[in-house]
Amino acid sequence: MAQRNLVQPSDVDHRFRGVGHSVLGDERQETLAQVEREIEHPKLKNLEKTGLVIFIYSLLFTSWCRFSAYMIIHG
């Protein structure tokens, strides 16, 4: 029976990625708190505008991405 190495290189890579995501998650919370303080006065109105912009952008980007993938695969 062949002996198997317990620690694979991919395991180390996954651990580094996990630590990196944890650090980014912690920093993101601080960034969101800073953004909340810096939003101009009618906060709800500005947040609604921002949400609408993000929603429209995500719809356009997603449709463009799917169309491009379709054209690459079936083109």
PDB file of N, CA and C in Angstrom:
ATOM      1  N   MET A   1       0.849  -1.170   0.000  1.00  0.00           N
ATOM      2  CA  MET A   1       0.000   0.000   0.000  1.00  0.00           C
ATOM      3  C   MET A   1       0.903   1.245   0.000  1.00  0.00           C
ATOM      4  N   ALA A   2       0.630   2.177  -0.895  1.00  0.00           N
ATOM      5  CA  ALA A   2       1.442   3.393  -1.004  1.00  0.00           C
ATOM      6  C   ALA A   2       1.108   4.339   0.141  1.00  0.00           C
ATOM      7  N   GLN A   3       2.159   4.962   0.639  1.00  0.00           N
ATOM      8  CA  GLN A   3       1.969   5.909   1.727  1.00  0.00           C
ATOM      9  C   GLN A   3       1.571   7.259   1.146  1.00  0.00           C
ATOM     10  N   ARG A   4       0.580   7.913   1.739  1.00  0.00           N
ATOM     11  CA  ARG A   4       0.052   9.172   1.214  1.00  0.00           C
ATOM     12  C   ARG A   4       0.516  10.323   2.099  1.00  0.00           C
ATOM     13  N   ASN A   5       0.929  11.404   1.459  1.00  0.00           N
ATOM     14  CA  ASN A   5       1.330  12.599   2.190  1.00  0.00           C
ATOM     15  C   ASN A   5       0.075  13.257   2.776  1.00  0.00           C
ATOM     16  N   LEU A   6       0.103  13.583   4.060  1.00  0.00           N
ATOM     17  CA  LEU A   6      -1.080  14.133   4.726  1.00  0.00           C
ATOM     18  C   LEU A   6      -1.352  15.582   4.350  1.00  0.00           C
ATOM     19  N   VAL A   7      -0.315  16.337   4.029  1.00  0.00           N
ATOM     20  CA  VAL A   7      -0.497  17.748   3.688  1.00  0.00           C
ATOM     21  C   VAL A   7      -0.202  17.929   2.205  1.00  0.00           C
ATOM     22  N   GLN A   8      -1.228  18.235   1.456  1.00  0.00           N
ATOM     23  CA  GLN A   8      -1.087  18.475   0.027  1.00  0.00           C
ATOM     24  C   GLN A   8      -0.803  19.962  -0.210  1.00  0.00           C
ATOM     25  N   PRO A   9      -0.128  20.321  -1.285  1.00  0.00           N
ATOM     26  CA  PRO A   9       0.100  21.742  -1.578  1.00  0.00           C
ATOM     27  C   PRO A   9      -1.196  22.534  -1.702  1.00  0.00           C
ATOM     28  N   SER A  10      -2.246  21.899  -2.215  1.00  0.00           N
ATOM     29  CA  SER A  10      -3.519  22.607  -2.344  1.00  0.00           C
ATOM     30  C   SER A  10      -4.117  22.925  -0.973  1.00  0.00           C
ATOM     31  N   ASP A  11      -3.859  22.083   0.034  1.00  0.00           N
ATOM     32  CA  ASP A  11      -4.353  22.355   1.381  1.00  0.00           C
ATOM     33  C   ASP A  11      -3.746  23.643   1.932  1.00  0.00           C
ATOM     34  N   VAL A  12      -2.463  23.810   1.716  1.00  0.00           N
ATOM     35  CA  VAL A  12      -1.786  25.025   2.189  1.00  0.00           C
ATOM     36  C   VAL A  12      -2.360  26.240   1.471  1.00  0.00           C
ATOM     37  N   ASP A  13      -2.588  26.110   0.167  1.00  0.00           N
ATOM     38  CA  ASP A  13      -3.158  27.202  -0.612  1.00  0.00           C
ATOM     39  C   ASP A  13      -4.538  27.585  -0.080  1.00  0.00           C
ATOM     40  N   HIS A  14      -5.366  26.601   0.224  1.00  0.00           N
ATOM     41  CA  HIS A  14      -6.710  26.875   0.737  1.00  0.00           C
ATOM     42  C   HIS A  14      -6.646  27.574   2.092  1.00  0.00           C
ATOM     43  N   ARG A  15      -5.703  27.174   2.909  1.00  0.00           N
ATOM     44  CA  ARG A  15      -5.582  27.820   4.217  1.00  0.00           C
ATOM     45  C   ARG A  15      -5.168  29.286   4.077  1.00  0.00           C
ATOM     46  N   PHE A  16      -4.228  29.567   3.174  1.00  0.00           N
ATOM     47  CA  PHE A  16      -3.830  30.959   2.947  1.00  0.00           C
ATOM     48  C   PHE A  16      -5.002  31.787   2.417  1.00  0.00           C
ATOM     49  N   ARG A  17      -5.763  31.218   1.517  1.00  0.00           N
ATOM     50  CA  ARG A  17      -6.922  31.937   0.990  1.00  0.00           C
ATOM     51  C   ARG A  17      -7.950  32.198   2.084  1.00  0.00           C
ATOM     52  N   GLY A  18      -8.178  31.231   2.940  1.00  0.00           N
ATOM     53  CA  GLY A  18      -9.122  31.415   4.036  1.00  0.00           C
ATOM     54  C   GLY A  18      -8.711  32.529   4.969  1.00  0.00           C
ATOM     55  N   VAL A  19      -7.430  32.565   5.316  1.00  0.00           N
ATOM     56  CA  VAL A  19      -6.935  33.640   6.188  1.00  0.00           C
ATOM     57  C   VAL A  19      -7.080  34.991   5.484  1.00  0.00           C
ATOM     58  N   GLY A  20      -6.769  35.032   4.187  1.00  0.00           N
ATOM     59  CA  GLY A  20      -6.895  36.283   3.437  1.00  0.00           C
ATOM     60  C   GLY A  20      -8.328  36.781   3.406  1.00  0.00           C
ATOM     61  N   HIS A  21      -9.281  35.860   3.204  1.00  0.00           N
ATOM     62  CA  HIS A  21     -10.687  36.262   3.189  1.00  0.00           C
ATOM     63  C   HIS A  21     -11.132  36.747   4.561  1.00  0.00           C
ATOM     64  N   SER A  22     -10.627  36.146   5.613  1.00  0.00           N
ATOM     65  CA  SER A  22     -10.979  36.594   6.956  1.00  0.00           C
ATOM     66  C   SER A  22     -10.492  38.014   7.205  1.00  0.00           C
ATOM     67  N   VAL A  23      -9.269  38.293   6.787  1.00  0.00           N
ATOM     68  CA  VAL A  23      -8.713  39.635   6.974  1.00  0.00           C
ATOM     69  C   VAL A  23      -9.511  40.648   6.161  1.00  0.00           C
ATOM     70  N   LEU A  24      -9.828  40.319   4.917  1.00  0.00           N
ATOM     71  CA  LEU A  24     -10.605  41.232   4.087  1.00  0.00           C
ATOM     72  C   LEU A  24     -11.996  41.454   4.670  1.00  0.00           C
ATOM     73  N   GLY A  25     -12.585  40.409   5.228  1.00  0.00           N
ATOM     74  CA  GLY A  25     -13.901  40.555   5.842  1.00  0.00           C
ATOM     75  C   GLY A  25     -13.863  41.514   7.012  1.00  0.00           C
ATOM     76  N   ASP A  26     -12.839  41.432   7.836  1.00  0.00           N
ATOM     77  CA  ASP A  26     -12.722  42.347   8.964  1.00  0.00           C
ATOM     78  C   ASP A  26     -12.531  43.778   8.488  1.00  0.00           C
ATOM     79  N   GLU A  27     -11.700  43.977   7.474  1.00  0.00           N
ATOM     80  CA  GLU A  27     -11.460  45.325   6.975  1.00  0.00           C
ATOM     81  C   GLU A  27     -12.700  45.887   6.292  1.00  0.00           C
ATOM     82  N   ARG A  28     -13.486  45.052   5.658  1.00  0.00           N
ATOM     83  CA  ARG A  28     -14.683  45.509   4.960  1.00  0.00           C
ATOM     84  C   ARG A  28     -15.682  46.100   5.942  1.00  0.00           C
ATOM     85  N   GLN A  29     -15.798  45.525   7.135  1.00  0.00           N
ATOM     86  CA  GLN A  29     -16.717  46.064   8.126  1.00  0.00           C
ATOM     87  C   GLN A  29     -16.313  47.474   8.511  1.00  0.00           C
ATOM     88  N   GLU A  30     -15.021  47.687   8.681  1.00  0.00           N
ATOM     89  CA  GLU A  30     -14.552  49.027   9.020  1.00  0.00           C
ATOM     90  C   GLU A  30     -14.823  49.988   7.869  1.00  0.00           C
ATOM     91  N   THR A  31     -14.624  49.547   6.657  1.00  0.00           N
ATOM     92  CA  THR A  31     -14.857  50.393   5.494  1.00  0.00           C
ATOM     93  C   THR A  31     -16.322  50.773   5.389  1.00  0.00           C
ATOM     94  N   LEU A  32     -17.243  49.819   5.627  1.00  0.00           N
ATOM     95  CA  LEU A  32     -18.664  50.133   5.567  1.00  0.00           C
ATOM     96  C   LEU A  32     -19.050  51.156   6.628  1.00  0.00           C
ATOM     97  N   ALA A  33     -18.449  51.075   7.797  1.00  0.00           N
ATOM     98  CA  ALA A  33     -18.730  52.065   8.835  1.00  0.00           C
ATOM     99  C   ALA A  33     -18.251  53.448   8.399  1.00  0.00           C
ATOM    100  N   GLN A  34     -17.094  53.517   7.751  1.00  0.00           N
ATOM    101  CA  GLN A  34     -16.594  54.801   7.261  1.00  0.00           C
ATOM    102  C   GLN A  34     -17.499  55.361   6.178  1.00  0.00           C
ATOM    103  N   VAL A  35     -17.964  54.524   5.284  1.00  0.00           N
ATOM    104  CA  VAL A  35     -18.850  54.986   4.212  1.00  0.00           C
ATOM    105  C   VAL A  35     -20.151  55.511   4.809  1.00  0.00           C
ATOM    106  N   GLU A  36     -20.685  54.824   5.796  1.00  0.00           N
ATOM    107  CA  GLU A  36     -21.937  55.253   6.415  1.00  0.00           C
ATOM    108  C   GLU A  36     -21.798  56.647   7.031  1.00  0.00           C
ATOM    109  N   ARG A  37     -20.648  56.940   7.605  1.00  0.00           N
ATOM    110  CA  ARG A  37     -20.427  58.270   8.195  1.00  0.00           C
ATOM    111  C   ARG A  37     -20.274  59.349   7.130  1.00  0.00           C
ATOM    112  N   GLU A  38     -19.770  58.955   5.948  1.00  0.00           N
ATOM    113  CA  GLU A  38     -19.457  59.941   4.925  1.00  0.00           C
ATOM    114  C   GLU A  38     -20.586  60.179   3.921  1.00  0.00           C
ATOM    115  N   ILE A  39     -21.693  59.465   4.028  1.00  0.00           N
ATOM    116  CA  ILE A  39     -22.810  59.680   3.109  1.00  0.00           C
ATOM    117  C   ILE A  39     -23.419  61.046   3.395  1.00  0.00           C
ATOM    118  N   GLU A  40     -23.770  61.768   2.320  1.00  0.00           N
ATOM    119  CA  GLU A  40     -24.349  63.104   2.495  1.00  0.00           C
ATOM    120  C   GLU A  40     -25.705  63.025   3.174  1.00  0.00           C
ATOM    121  N   HIS A  41     -26.213  64.181   3.602  1.00  0.00           N
ATOM    122  CA  HIS A  41     -27.325  64.254   4.547  1.00  0.00           C
ATOM    123  C   HIS A  41     -28.566  63.435   4.220  1.00  0.00           C
ATOM    124  N   PRO A  42     -29.258  63.620   3.113  1.00  0.00           N
ATOM    125  CA  PRO A  42     -30.448  62.751   2.979  1.00  0.00           C
ATOM    126  C   PRO A  42     -30.002  61.314   2.694  1.00  0.00           C
ATOM    127  N   LYS A  43     -29.606  60.615   3.754  1.00  0.00           N
ATOM    128  CA  LYS A  43     -28.971  59.294   3.604  1.00  0.00           C
ATOM    129  C   LYS A  43     -29.866  58.297   2.888  1.00  0.00           C
ATOM    130  N   LEU A  44     -31.139  58.242   3.254  1.00  0.00           N
ATOM    131  CA  LEU A  44     -32.021  57.262   2.643  1.00  0.00           C
ATOM    132  C   LEU A  44     -32.160  57.509   1.144  1.00  0.00           C
ATOM    133  N   LYS A  45     -32.318  58.774   0.764  1.00  0.00           N
ATOM    134  CA  LYS A  45     -32.461  59.104  -0.658  1.00  0.00           C
ATOM    135  C   LYS A  45     -31.186  58.743  -1.425  1.00  0.00           C
ATOM    136  N   ASN A  46     -30.033  59.069  -0.863  1.00  0.00           N
ATOM    137  CA  ASN A  46     -28.769  58.750  -1.525  1.00  0.00           C
ATOM    138  C   ASN A  46     -28.530  57.251  -1.587  1.00  0.00           C
ATOM    139  N   LEU A  47     -28.916  56.519  -0.537  1.00  0.00           N
ATOM    140  CA  LEU A  47     -28.764  55.068  -0.560  1.00  0.00           C
ATOM    141  C   LEU A  47     -29.686  54.429  -1.592  1.00  0.00           C
ATOM    142  N   GLU A  48     -30.889  54.977  -1.757  1.00  0.00           N
ATOM    143  CA  GLU A  48     -31.800  54.461  -2.778  1.00  0.00           C
ATOM    144  C   GLU A  48     -31.232  54.686  -4.175  1.00  0.00           C
ATOM    145  N   LYS A  49     -30.656  55.854  -4.409  1.00  0.00           N
ATOM    146  CA  LYS A  49     -30.027  56.123  -5.712  1.00  0.00           C
ATOM    147  C   LYS A  49     -28.870  55.166  -5.951  1.00  0.00           C
ATOM    148  N   THR A  50     -28.049  54.967  -4.934  1.00  0.00           N
ATOM    149  CA  THR A  50     -26.908  54.065  -5.063  1.00  0.00           C
ATOM    150  C   THR A  50     -27.370  52.641  -5.333  1.00  0.00           C
ATOM    151  N   GLY A  51     -28.387  52.201  -4.620  1.00  0.00           N
ATOM    152  CA  GLY A  51     -28.924  50.856  -4.837  1.00  0.00           C
ATOM    153  C   GLY A  51     -29.456  50.679  -6.244  1.00  0.00           C
ATOM    154  N   LEU A  52     -30.126  51.710  -6.764  1.00  0.00           N
ATOM    155  CA  LEU A  52     -30.647  51.634  -8.130  1.00  0.00           C
ATOM    156  C   LEU A  52     -29.508  51.544  -9.147  1.00  0.00           C
ATOM    157  N   VAL A  53     -28.461  52.337  -8.955  1.00  0.00           N
ATOM    158  CA  VAL A  53     -27.310  52.295  -9.861  1.00  0.00           C
ATOM    159  C   VAL A  53     -26.665  50.913  -9.833  1.00  0.00           C
ATOM    160  N   ILE A  54     -26.470  50.354  -8.647  1.00  0.00           N
ATOM    161  CA  ILE A  54     -25.850  49.032  -8.525  1.00  0.00           C
ATOM    162  C   ILE A  54     -26.743  47.971  -9.157  1.00  0.00           C
ATOM    163  N   PHE A  55     -28.056  48.075  -8.957  1.00  0.00           N
ATOM    164  CA  PHE A  55     -28.994  47.108  -9.529  1.00  0.00           C
ATOM    165  C   PHE A  55     -28.954  47.141 -11.053  1.00  0.00           C
ATOM    166  N   ILE A  56     -29.009  48.324 -11.647  1.00  0.00           N
ATOM    167  CA  ILE A  56     -28.979  48.449 -13.105  1.00  0.00           C
ATOM    168  C   ILE A  56     -27.650  47.949 -13.653  1.00  0.00           C
ATOM    169  N   TYR A  57     -26.550  48.329 -13.000  1.00  0.00           N
ATOM    170  CA  TYR A  57     -25.232  47.879 -13.447  1.00  0.00           C
ATOM    171  C   TYR A  57     -25.136  46.357 -13.402  1.00  0.00           C
ATOM    172  N   SER A  58     -25.629  45.749 -12.323  1.00  0.00           N
ATOM    173  CA  SER A  58     -25.537  44.289 -12.208  1.00  0.00           C
ATOM    174  C   SER A  58     -26.386  43.601 -13.273  1.00  0.00           C
ATOM    175  N   LEU A  59     -27.558  44.152 -13.591  1.00  0.00           N
ATOM    176  CA  LEU A  59     -28.373  43.567 -14.659  1.00  0.00           C
ATOM    177  C   LEU A  59     -27.658  43.657 -16.000  1.00  0.00           C
ATOM    178  N   LEU A  60     -27.118  44.828 -16.314  1.00  0.00           N
ATOM    179  CA  LEU A  60     -26.436  45.010 -17.591  1.00  0.00           C
ATOM    180  C   LEU A  60     -25.188  44.140 -17.678  1.00  0.00           C
ATOM    181  N   PHE A  61     -24.405  44.106 -16.612  1.00  0.00           N
ATOM    182  CA  PHE A  61     -23.167  43.331 -16.626  1.00  0.00           C
ATOM    183  C   PHE A  61     -23.451  41.843 -16.743  1.00  0.00           C
ATOM    184  N   THR A  62     -24.460  41.368 -16.008  1.00  0.00           N
ATOM    185  CA  THR A  62     -24.791  39.950 -16.051  1.00  0.00           C
ATOM    186  C   THR A  62     -25.268  39.550 -17.447  1.00  0.00           C
ATOM    187  N   SER A  63     -26.128  40.370 -18.035  1.00  0.00           N
ATOM    188  CA  SER A  63     -26.622  40.029 -19.374  1.00  0.00           C
ATOM    189  C   SER A  63     -25.495  40.088 -20.393  1.00  0.00           C
ATOM    190  N   TRP A  64     -24.622  41.077 -20.280  1.00  0.00           N
ATOM    191  CA  TRP A  64     -23.489  41.177 -21.204  1.00  0.00           C
ATOM    192  C   TRP A  64     -22.565  39.973 -21.052  1.00  0.00           C
ATOM    193  N   CYS A  65     -22.338  39.570 -19.811  1.00  0.00           N
ATOM    194  CA  CYS A  65     -21.454  38.437 -19.543  1.00  0.00           C
ATOM    195  C   CYS A  65     -22.039  37.153 -20.136  1.00  0.00           C
ATOM    196  N   ARG A  66     -23.316  36.927 -19.950  1.00  0.00           N
ATOM    197  CA  ARG A  66     -23.954  35.723 -20.494  1.00  0.00           C
ATOM    198  C   ARG A  66     -23.945  35.750 -22.013  1.00  0.00           C
ATOM    199  N   PHE A  67     -24.239  36.900 -22.602  1.00  0.00           N
ATOM    200  CA  PHE A  67     -24.243  37.017 -24.056  1.00  0.00           C
ATOM    201  C   PHE A  67     -22.847  36.745 -24.611  1.00  0.00           C
ATOM    202  N   SER A  68     -21.813  37.300 -23.965  1.00  0.00           N
ATOM    203  CA  SER A  68     -20.444  37.082 -24.416  1.00  0.00           C
ATOM    204  C   SER A  68     -20.065  35.606 -24.323  1.00  0.00           C
ATOM    205  N   ALA A  69     -20.438  34.967 -23.233  1.00  0.00           N
ATOM    206  CA  ALA A  69     -20.129  33.545 -23.069  1.00  0.00           C
ATOM    207  C   ALA A  69     -20.851  32.725 -24.130  1.00  0.00           C
ATOM    208  N   TYR A  70     -22.106  33.062 -24.413  1.00  0.00           N
ATOM    209  CA  TYR A  70     -22.848  32.357 -25.433  1.00  0.00           C
ATOM    210  C   TYR A  70     -22.168  32.512 -26.803  1.00  0.00           C
ATOM    211  N   MET A  71     -21.735  33.729 -27.109  1.00  0.00           N
ATOM    212  CA  MET A  71     -21.108  33.979 -28.404  1.00  0.00           C
ATOM    213  C   MET A  71     -19.753  33.254 -28.514  1.00  0.00           C
ATOM    214  N   ILE A  72     -19.041  33.162 -27.414  1.00  0.00           N
ATOM    215  CA  ILE A  72     -17.749  32.467 -27.445  1.00  0.00           C
ATOM    216  C   ILE A  72     -17.960  30.965 -27.645  1.00  0.00           C
ATOM    217  N   ILE A  73     -18.937  30.408 -26.926  1.00  0.00           N
ATOM    218  CA  ILE A  73     -19.159  28.962 -26.985  1.00  0.00           C
ATOM    219  C   ILE A  73     -19.820  28.561 -28.309  1.00  0.00           C
ATOM    220  N   HIS A  74     -20.857  29.282 -28.706  1.00  0.00           N
ATOM    221  CA  HIS A  74     -21.634  28.886 -29.879  1.00  0.00           C
ATOM    222  C   HIS A  74     -21.278  29.685 -31.138  1.00  0.00           C
ATOM    223  N   GLY A  75     -20.407  30.652 -31.016  1.00  0.00           N
ATOM    224  CA  GLY A  75     -20.095  31.533 -32.142  1.00  0.00           C
ATOM    225  C   GLY A  75     -19.245  30.872 -33.126  1.00  0.00           C
TER     226      GLY A  75
END
